[in-house]
Protein backbone atom coordinates (compact mmCIF):
# COMPACT_ATOMS: atom_id res chain seq x y z
CA MET A 1 32.89 60.12 103.05
CA MET A 2 35.69 60.81 105.53
CA ILE A 3 36.83 63.97 103.69
CA LYS A 4 33.26 65.28 103.52
CA THR A 5 33.02 64.82 107.28
CA LEU A 6 36.43 66.30 108.06
CA LEU A 7 36.18 69.53 106.03
CA PRO A 8 33.17 70.98 107.90
CA LEU A 9 34.93 70.28 111.19
CA LEU A 10 38.04 72.11 110.00
CA LEU A 11 36.06 75.10 108.79
CA GLY A 12 34.06 75.24 112.00
CA ALA A 13 37.20 75.03 114.09
CA SER A 14 38.81 77.93 112.21
CA ALA A 15 35.92 80.14 113.29
CA LEU A 16 36.83 79.54 116.93
CA THR A 17 40.33 81.01 116.66
CA ALA A 18 39.39 84.65 117.32
CA CYS A 19 40.64 84.45 120.90
CA ALA A 20 44.38 84.90 121.46
CA ALA A 21 46.03 84.45 124.84
CA GLY A 22 48.49 86.98 126.18
CA PRO A 23 48.75 90.77 125.76
CA ASP A 24 48.35 92.57 122.44
CA PHE A 25 51.38 94.56 121.37
CA LYS A 26 51.23 98.32 121.77
CA ALA A 27 53.99 100.40 120.24
CA PRO A 28 56.07 102.06 122.97
CA VAL A 29 55.98 105.85 123.16
CA ALA A 30 59.19 107.87 123.31
CA PRO A 31 59.44 110.76 125.81
CA ALA A 32 57.69 113.91 124.60
CA ALA A 33 60.91 115.91 124.75
CA ALA A 34 62.56 113.47 122.33
CA GLY A 35 60.54 114.78 119.38
CA GLY A 36 61.69 118.39 119.53
CA ALA A 37 64.57 120.26 117.96
CA PHE A 38 68.11 119.25 118.84
CA ILE A 39 70.05 121.31 121.34
CA GLY A 40 72.96 121.54 118.94
CA SER A 41 70.92 122.43 115.85
CA VAL A 42 71.48 126.17 116.34
CA GLY A 43 74.26 127.50 114.17
CA PRO A 44 75.20 128.15 110.55
CA ALA A 45 76.80 124.72 110.05
CA VAL A 46 73.50 122.81 110.30
CA SER A 47 69.90 123.38 109.27
CA ALA A 48 66.52 122.14 110.49
CA ALA A 49 65.69 120.70 107.06
CA GLU A 50 64.93 116.99 106.79
CA ALA A 51 68.05 114.83 106.76
CA ASP A 52 69.11 113.46 103.39
CA ASP A 53 69.08 109.67 102.98
CA HIS A 54 71.79 109.84 100.32
CA TRP A 55 73.91 112.19 102.39
CA TRP A 56 77.25 111.27 100.80
CA ARG A 57 76.06 112.93 97.58
CA LEU A 58 76.25 116.29 99.36
CA TYR A 59 80.02 116.07 98.84
CA SER A 60 79.55 116.11 95.03
CA ASP A 61 82.34 113.56 94.61
CA PRO A 62 81.65 110.94 91.89
CA VAL A 63 84.48 108.70 93.07
CA LEU A 64 82.98 108.60 96.56
CA ASP A 65 79.51 107.95 95.11
CA GLY A 66 80.82 104.91 93.26
CA LEU A 67 82.57 103.55 96.34
CA VAL A 68 79.41 103.81 98.43
CA GLN A 69 77.36 101.99 95.81
CA ASP A 70 80.00 99.27 95.62
CA ALA A 71 79.95 98.89 99.40
CA LEU A 72 76.15 98.60 99.49
CA LYS A 73 76.27 95.84 96.90
CA ALA A 74 79.34 93.84 97.93
CA ASN A 75 80.15 94.48 101.61
CA THR A 76 80.43 91.20 103.50
CA ASP A 77 78.82 92.49 106.71
CA ILE A 78 75.73 93.48 104.71
CA ARG A 79 75.63 90.05 103.12
CA VAL A 80 75.72 88.41 106.55
CA ALA A 81 72.87 90.64 107.79
CA VAL A 82 70.80 89.92 104.67
CA ALA A 83 71.30 86.17 105.18
CA ARG A 84 69.98 86.51 108.74
CA LEU A 85 66.97 88.38 107.40
CA GLU A 86 66.28 85.56 104.96
CA LYS A 87 66.49 83.09 107.83
CA ALA A 88 63.91 85.12 109.78
CA ARG A 89 61.63 85.19 106.72
CA ALA A 90 61.91 81.44 106.44
CA GLY A 91 60.89 81.18 110.10
CA LEU A 92 57.82 83.30 109.35
CA ARG A 93 56.84 81.01 106.49
CA GLY A 94 57.19 78.06 108.83
CA ALA A 95 55.01 79.73 111.47
CA ARG A 96 52.33 80.54 108.90
CA SER A 97 52.28 76.93 107.72
CA ASP A 98 50.88 75.94 111.14
CA LYS A 99 47.59 77.59 110.13
CA LEU A 100 47.13 74.99 107.40
CA PRO A 101 46.24 71.32 107.79
CA GLN A 102 49.32 69.14 108.08
CA THR A 103 49.28 66.20 105.69
CA THR A 104 51.38 63.07 105.55
CA LEU A 105 51.33 60.64 102.65
CA SER A 106 52.85 57.21 103.23
CA GLY A 107 53.38 54.12 101.15
CA SER A 108 55.14 50.87 102.04
CA PRO A 109 55.41 48.01 99.54
CA SER A 110 57.16 44.86 100.76
CA TYR A 111 57.73 41.30 99.59
CA GLY A 112 58.04 38.37 102.00
CA ARG A 113 57.20 34.82 102.97
CA ALA A 114 54.79 34.04 105.78
CA SER A 115 55.03 30.98 107.99
CA ALA A 116 52.64 28.10 107.41
CA ALA A 117 50.85 28.86 110.68
CA GLN A 118 50.21 32.46 109.55
CA SER A 119 48.97 31.64 106.07
CA LEU A 120 45.33 31.10 105.19
CA PRO A 121 44.35 28.14 103.10
CA GLY A 122 44.60 28.91 99.42
CA ILE A 123 46.83 31.97 99.89
CA ASP A 124 50.29 31.97 98.48
CA ARG A 125 52.83 32.15 101.33
CA GLU A 126 55.17 34.36 99.26
CA ASN A 127 53.57 37.57 98.11
CA TRP A 128 53.64 41.39 97.94
CA THR A 129 52.07 43.44 100.73
CA VAL A 130 51.17 47.06 99.96
CA ASP A 131 50.23 49.59 102.67
CA ALA A 132 49.33 53.20 101.70
CA GLY A 133 47.66 56.00 103.58
CA LEU A 134 46.96 59.73 103.92
CA ASN A 135 46.95 61.42 107.34
CA VAL A 136 45.51 64.92 107.90
CA ALA A 137 45.86 66.93 111.12
CA TYR A 138 44.67 70.47 111.88
CA GLU A 139 45.32 72.38 115.09
CA VAL A 140 42.28 74.28 116.31
CA ASP A 141 43.88 77.53 117.43
CA LEU A 142 41.32 78.20 120.17
CA PHE A 143 43.72 80.17 122.36
CA GLY A 144 45.88 81.82 119.72
CA ARG A 145 49.09 79.84 120.03
CA VAL A 146 49.55 79.75 116.26
CA LYS A 147 48.44 83.36 115.85
CA ARG A 148 50.91 84.59 118.45
CA SER A 149 53.67 82.45 116.93
CA ILE A 150 53.09 84.19 113.60
CA GLU A 151 53.17 87.59 115.32
CA ALA A 152 56.47 86.69 116.98
CA ALA A 153 57.93 85.57 113.66
CA LYS A 154 56.81 88.83 112.04
CA GLY A 155 58.55 90.74 114.81
CA ASP A 156 61.73 88.73 114.22
CA VAL A 157 61.58 89.61 110.52
CA GLY A 158 61.09 93.29 111.32
CA ALA A 159 64.00 93.26 113.76
CA ALA A 160 66.25 91.50 111.23
CA ALA A 161 65.25 94.05 108.56
CA GLY A 162 66.14 96.87 110.95
CA ASP A 163 69.49 95.20 111.62
CA VAL A 164 70.20 95.07 107.88
CA ASP A 165 69.49 98.78 107.56
CA ALA A 166 71.65 99.52 110.62
CA VAL A 167 74.54 97.60 109.06
CA ARG A 168 74.05 99.54 105.83
CA VAL A 169 74.17 102.84 107.72
CA ALA A 170 77.40 101.76 109.43
CA VAL A 171 78.98 100.49 106.21
CA VAL A 172 78.20 103.70 104.31
CA ALA A 173 79.61 105.80 107.16
CA ASP A 174 82.72 103.61 107.44
CA THR A 175 83.25 103.80 103.68
CA VAL A 176 83.05 107.59 103.63
CA ARG A 177 85.23 107.79 106.73
CA ALA A 178 87.90 105.56 105.17
CA TYR A 179 87.82 107.67 102.00
CA VAL A 180 88.14 110.85 104.05
CA ASP A 181 90.96 109.27 106.03
CA ALA A 182 92.84 108.41 102.84
CA THR A 183 92.41 111.83 101.25
CA SER A 184 93.15 113.78 104.44
CA SER A 185 96.26 111.67 105.00
CA ALA A 186 97.35 112.63 101.50
CA GLU A 187 96.84 116.29 102.40
CA ARG A 188 98.80 115.87 105.63
CA ILE A 189 101.60 114.21 103.67
CA ALA A 190 101.65 117.17 101.28
CA VAL A 191 101.79 119.61 104.21
CA ALA A 192 104.62 117.66 105.83
CA ARG A 193 106.60 117.59 102.58
CA GLN A 194 106.00 121.29 102.10
CA THR A 195 107.32 121.93 105.60
CA VAL A 196 110.39 119.79 104.89
CA ALA A 197 110.98 121.73 101.66
CA LEU A 198 110.79 125.01 103.59
CA LEU A 199 113.29 123.73 106.13
CA ASP A 200 115.56 122.54 103.32
CA LYS A 201 115.56 126.12 102.10
CA SER A 202 116.41 127.30 105.62
CA ILE A 203 119.30 124.82 105.73
CA ARG A 204 120.70 126.21 102.46
CA ILE A 205 120.43 129.76 103.76
CA THR A 206 122.00 128.87 107.10
CA ASN A 207 124.84 126.99 105.38
CA ALA A 208 125.49 129.98 103.16
CA ARG A 209 125.62 132.26 106.19
CA PHE A 210 127.94 129.81 107.94
CA GLU A 211 130.33 129.75 105.00
CA VAL A 212 130.71 133.55 105.07
CA GLY A 213 131.04 133.62 108.83
CA ARG A 214 127.67 135.18 109.62
CA SER A 215 126.41 132.06 111.44
CA ASP A 216 127.95 129.21 113.38
CA ARG A 217 127.88 125.47 112.91
CA LEU A 218 125.36 125.00 115.74
CA ASP A 219 122.73 126.91 113.76
CA VAL A 220 123.12 124.50 110.85
CA ILE A 221 122.82 121.50 113.16
CA ARG A 222 119.68 122.86 114.81
CA VAL A 223 117.78 123.58 111.61
CA THR A 224 118.88 120.21 110.18
CA ALA A 225 117.55 118.45 113.27
CA LEU A 226 114.20 120.23 112.92
CA ARG A 227 114.05 119.25 109.25
CA ASP A 228 114.75 115.60 110.06
CA GLN A 229 112.06 115.63 112.77
CA GLN A 230 109.49 116.84 110.27
CA ALA A 231 110.64 114.34 107.64
CA ALA A 232 110.26 111.51 110.14
CA VAL A 233 106.51 112.23 110.31
CA ILE A 234 105.98 111.42 106.63
CA PRO A 235 106.41 107.60 106.77
CA SER A 236 103.77 107.25 109.48
CA LEU A 237 101.37 109.41 107.45
CA ILE A 238 101.97 107.23 104.40
CA ALA A 239 101.24 104.15 106.50
CA ASP A 240 98.01 105.78 107.73
CA ARG A 241 96.94 106.46 104.15
CA ASP A 242 97.75 102.93 103.04
CA GLY A 243 95.74 101.54 105.94
CA ALA A 244 92.75 103.71 104.99
CA LEU A 245 92.95 102.55 101.37
CA PHE A 246 93.18 98.90 102.40
CA ARG A 247 90.18 99.38 104.72
CA LEU A 248 88.29 100.99 101.87
CA ALA A 249 88.98 97.98 99.67
CA THR A 250 87.60 95.60 102.31
CA LEU A 251 84.48 97.73 102.83
CA THR A 252 83.72 97.66 99.12
CA GLY A 253 84.26 93.90 98.82
CA ARG A 254 87.65 94.09 97.09
CA THR A 255 91.17 92.94 97.71
CA PRO A 256 93.70 95.77 98.21
CA GLN A 257 95.09 95.11 94.74
CA ASP A 258 91.67 95.65 93.13
CA LEU A 259 91.04 99.14 94.50
CA PRO A 260 90.48 101.49 91.52
CA GLY A 261 93.36 103.75 90.62
CA ALA A 262 91.06 106.79 90.72
CA VAL A 263 90.70 106.29 94.47
CA ARG A 264 94.46 106.25 95.04
CA GLU A 265 94.81 109.43 93.00
CA ARG A 266 92.42 111.43 95.18
CA THR A 267 94.40 113.78 97.41
CA VAL A 268 91.77 116.40 98.29
CA THR A 269 89.42 115.77 101.20
CA PRO A 270 85.77 116.26 100.13
CA GLY A 271 84.01 119.16 101.79
CA LEU A 272 80.49 120.45 102.15
CA SER A 273 79.30 123.66 100.54
CA GLN A 274 76.03 123.82 102.49
CA PRO A 275 74.79 123.34 106.05
CA ILE A 276 74.08 119.76 107.12
CA PRO A 277 70.31 119.07 107.27
CA VAL A 278 69.53 117.37 110.59
CA GLY A 279 65.73 117.54 111.05
CA ASP A 280 64.38 117.02 114.56
CA GLY A 281 64.10 114.29 117.18
CA ARG A 282 60.82 112.88 115.90
CA ALA A 283 62.22 112.37 112.41
CA LEU A 284 65.41 110.92 113.88
CA LEU A 285 63.59 108.21 115.83
CA ALA A 286 61.50 107.31 112.80
CA ARG A 287 64.60 107.08 110.63
CA ARG A 288 67.05 105.27 112.90
CA PRO A 289 67.03 101.55 112.00
CA ASP A 290 68.24 100.47 115.46
CA VAL A 291 65.13 102.08 117.00
CA ARG A 292 62.90 100.23 114.53
CA ALA A 293 64.70 96.96 115.24
CA ALA A 294 64.32 97.42 119.01
CA GLU A 295 60.57 98.06 118.62
CA GLN A 296 60.15 94.93 116.50
CA ARG A 297 62.03 92.82 119.06
CA LEU A 298 59.64 94.09 121.70
CA ALA A 299 56.71 93.11 119.47
CA ALA A 300 58.14 89.61 119.01
CA ASP A 301 58.76 89.09 122.73
CA THR A 302 55.27 90.38 123.57
CA ALA A 303 53.77 87.83 121.18
CA ARG A 304 55.81 85.05 122.79
CA ILE A 305 54.02 85.77 126.08
CA GLY A 306 50.84 84.72 124.25
CA VAL A 307 52.51 81.60 122.90
CA ALA A 308 53.52 80.57 126.40
CA THR A 309 50.12 81.50 127.86
CA ALA A 310 48.29 79.39 125.28
CA ASP A 311 50.08 76.32 126.66
CA LEU A 312 48.02 76.68 129.85
CA TYR A 313 44.97 75.55 127.89
CA PRO A 314 44.17 72.37 125.97
CA ARG A 315 45.66 72.00 122.51
CA ILE A 316 43.03 70.44 120.24
CA THR A 317 43.97 68.80 116.96
CA LEU A 318 41.44 67.43 114.50
CA GLY A 319 42.78 64.51 112.57
CA GLY A 320 41.81 61.92 110.07
CA SER A 321 43.41 59.22 108.02
CA ILE A 322 42.54 57.10 105.06
CA GLY A 323 44.46 54.11 103.86
CA THR A 324 44.52 50.63 102.48
CA THR A 325 46.44 47.41 102.96
CA ALA A 326 46.45 44.75 100.30
CA VAL A 327 48.17 41.41 99.98
CA GLY A 328 49.33 40.47 96.56
CA GLY A 329 48.56 43.91 95.11
CA GLY A 330 45.35 42.69 93.58
CA ASP A 331 42.81 44.74 95.51
CA ILE A 332 44.53 47.93 96.76
CA PHE A 333 41.54 50.25 96.25
CA GLY A 334 38.76 47.78 96.86
CA GLY A 335 36.35 47.87 99.76
CA GLY A 336 38.04 45.05 101.60
CA PRO A 337 41.42 46.57 102.44
CA PHE A 338 40.13 50.16 102.68
CA ARG A 339 40.24 51.87 106.13
CA TRP A 340 39.58 55.36 107.52
CA LEU A 341 39.69 57.09 110.85
CA LEU A 342 38.40 60.46 112.13
CA GLY A 343 38.63 62.11 115.52
CA PRO A 344 40.06 64.87 117.73
CA LEU A 345 43.25 64.74 119.78
CA ILE A 346 43.46 66.74 123.00
CA ASN A 347 46.75 67.50 124.75
CA TRP A 348 46.69 69.30 128.07
CA ALA A 349 49.38 69.52 130.73
CA PHE A 350 46.99 69.53 133.69
CA PRO A 351 46.90 69.90 136.64
CA ASN A 352 50.69 70.39 136.94
CA GLN A 353 51.25 73.61 135.01
CA GLU A 354 54.14 75.05 136.94
CA ALA A 355 56.48 74.55 133.99
CA ASN A 356 54.10 76.47 131.71
CA ARG A 357 53.79 79.31 134.22
CA ALA A 358 57.56 79.46 134.48
CA ARG A 359 57.78 79.86 130.69
CA ILE A 360 55.20 82.66 130.86
CA ALA A 361 57.23 84.43 133.53
CA ALA A 362 60.39 84.05 131.43
CA ALA A 363 58.58 85.43 128.37
CA LYS A 364 57.36 88.43 130.36
CA ALA A 365 60.89 89.04 131.60
CA ASP A 366 62.14 88.96 128.00
CA ALA A 367 59.48 91.50 127.02
CA ASP A 368 60.42 93.75 129.95
CA GLY A 369 64.04 93.53 128.86
CA SER A 370 63.13 94.38 125.27
CA LEU A 371 61.14 97.40 126.46
CA ALA A 372 64.14 98.59 128.47
CA ALA A 373 66.36 97.99 125.44
CA PHE A 374 64.00 100.07 123.29
CA ASP A 375 64.05 102.93 125.80
CA GLY A 376 67.84 102.72 125.94
CA THR A 377 68.10 102.72 122.14
CA VAL A 378 65.98 105.88 121.95
CA LEU A 379 68.12 107.63 124.55
CA ARG A 380 71.36 106.55 122.86
CA ALA A 381 70.09 107.78 119.48
CA LEU A 382 69.46 111.21 120.96
CA GLU A 383 72.76 111.15 122.85
CA GLU A 384 74.77 110.18 119.77
CA THR A 385 73.14 112.88 117.66
CA GLU A 386 73.56 115.64 120.23
CA THR A 387 77.16 114.56 120.83
CA ALA A 388 77.90 114.51 117.11
CA LEU A 389 76.38 117.99 116.71
CA SER A 390 78.50 119.32 119.56
CA VAL A 391 81.69 117.70 118.30
CA TYR A 392 81.08 119.02 114.79
CA ALA A 393 80.41 122.57 115.95
CA HIS A 394 83.50 122.66 118.15
CA ALA A 395 85.65 121.00 115.47
CA LEU A 396 84.70 123.83 113.11
CA GLU A 397 85.48 126.38 115.81
CA ARG A 398 88.86 124.80 116.49
CA ARG A 399 89.70 124.71 112.79
CA ASP A 400 88.86 128.40 112.38
CA THR A 401 91.13 129.25 115.31
CA LEU A 402 93.95 127.13 113.90
CA LYS A 403 93.56 128.79 110.50
CA ALA A 404 94.17 132.14 112.14
CA ALA A 405 97.10 130.70 114.10
CA ARG A 406 98.63 129.23 110.94
CA GLU A 407 98.35 132.55 109.10
CA ALA A 408 99.98 134.35 112.03
CA ALA A 409 102.77 131.74 112.21
CA ASP A 410 103.39 132.07 108.49
CA ARG A 411 103.72 135.84 108.77
CA ALA A 412 106.04 135.49 111.77
CA ALA A 413 108.26 133.03 109.89
CA ARG A 414 108.53 135.31 106.87
CA ILE A 415 109.31 138.36 109.00
CA SER A 416 111.92 136.48 111.04
CA LEU A 417 113.72 135.33 107.90
CA ALA A 418 113.74 138.86 106.52
CA ARG A 419 115.09 140.29 109.77
CA GLN A 420 117.71 137.57 109.98
CA ARG A 421 119.03 138.57 106.56
CA GLU A 422 119.31 142.13 107.82
CA GLY A 423 121.08 140.94 110.98
CA GLN A 424 118.38 142.30 113.29
CA ILE A 425 117.63 138.98 115.10
CA ASP A 426 119.57 135.86 115.93
CA PHE A 427 119.05 132.38 114.47
CA LEU A 428 117.23 130.99 117.51
CA THR A 429 114.37 133.39 116.91
CA VAL A 430 114.15 132.27 113.29
CA LEU A 431 114.29 128.62 114.27
CA ASP A 432 111.54 129.10 116.83
CA ALA A 433 109.34 130.82 114.23
CA GLN A 434 109.86 127.98 111.77
CA ARG A 435 109.13 125.40 114.41
CA THR A 436 105.92 127.25 115.28
CA LEU A 437 104.89 127.38 111.62
CA ALA A 438 105.53 123.65 111.16
CA ALA A 439 103.39 122.85 114.21
CA ALA A 440 100.63 125.22 113.02
CA GLU A 441 100.58 123.59 109.57
CA SER A 442 100.35 120.11 111.12
CA ASP A 443 97.65 121.16 113.59
CA LEU A 444 95.53 122.71 110.83
CA ALA A 445 95.79 119.59 108.67
CA THR A 446 94.77 117.47 111.64
CA ALA A 447 91.87 119.84 112.36
CA ASN A 448 90.64 119.53 108.76
CA ARG A 449 90.66 115.77 109.18
CA ALA A 450 88.77 116.05 112.48
CA VAL A 451 86.09 118.23 110.84
CA ALA A 452 85.61 115.68 108.05
CA PHE A 453 85.35 112.83 110.58
CA ALA A 454 82.86 114.85 112.66
CA GLN A 455 80.68 115.31 109.59
CA VAL A 456 80.63 111.58 108.93
CA ASP A 457 79.86 110.81 112.57
CA LEU A 458 76.95 113.26 112.48
CA PHE A 459 75.53 111.67 109.34
CA ARG A 460 75.90 108.24 110.96
CA ALA A 461 74.08 109.41 114.11
CA LEU A 462 71.23 110.79 111.99
CA GLY A 463 70.65 107.24 110.76
CA GLY A 464 70.23 107.81 107.06
CA GLY A 465 72.16 106.68 104.05
CA TRP A 466 71.64 103.07 103.04
CA SER A 467 69.42 103.06 99.97
CA VAL A 468 71.02 101.61 96.85
CA ALA A 469 68.98 103.91 94.60
């Protein structure tokens, strides 16, 4: 009887929930200029083709591919972000549960002895007492409090999902950068050792000239000092490479001891054989996970304005209960101990609603802040991409110039040695040429490293590269 009466009321109340307080979310619009081509997309090093999600594969390096996949599966920062996403999803399930009737089942058996004054004639004073009941409550969402709560929870899930993707983008970029750092450090070590070997040869030549009286002791000391200066660079380069390898182990969820030997053996920095595809601003904003996360946070905060606004109006809950109390356990389901109750419950903070209006104002302020954060995220995405394009282009230009300088320094060093043997120039000229060559070799190795880093930074700014597939 009670259930037959309660169900029509619940169904009728659900038809009244079409109204939702507060503003509906409208996706923010980026500036029109943000969707065009990038300022720095002109040049042979980049192309207007759509950016590649699996950008690290452009290096055609199977060792690097394996490291990236390991990082996507085992990186601890990704695991933390995924756990936060699961928490947000649990919150959404909880918000959705408010749309359903809330039920409580209770049961309380007890055994006791009543006083003589409380006992009826013929009733045993010591007996079992059983109380059982079912309570049902359903909130009539007349003003959309539950609906807006679900919308807010969906926004939280979307923001958390965007954060996971943003962490993946960062982890992939950091993994490739650490790999590049390790391999470029190995190349710089090789260059430094080659320079030391060249200076060792110069020391032998200078010593030989000194022994036959064609040079003095000061020349030997000077070239030896230059050799020792170059040799002193090698330990710091080895430390840099070790640090990059240890960082790579952490990024891929390993201890330093567990890093594969194939990674330690790589001594050639991966390079690109094609222009980097960068797309345009519209594709960038659609791809960047931090932009998506900022939009979803705005959606969640907009929905919370509705949640707060709904508290201005009465909250109506339909409820009912059915239960029984029996003494002695002999007639639990009989007509005597059976009871039921049906009726609405109205809660309304009226007329003092200043606290509710303050919460609405706070929710609007949060939404305004989220809108500003979204606008800032869009601008930073464009800034980071344009900056990365500029840095990459100028890093390539600097490397080309240093290549020419290194070739010129190498020719000058060879010519100076040949002229020294013929007695046409003094040792200081030779020493200066060798010092210039050593500096040119070091600068070129550093420029190669800067180009590789600039590539990674550009890929990171483009916002792709997190899919496990």
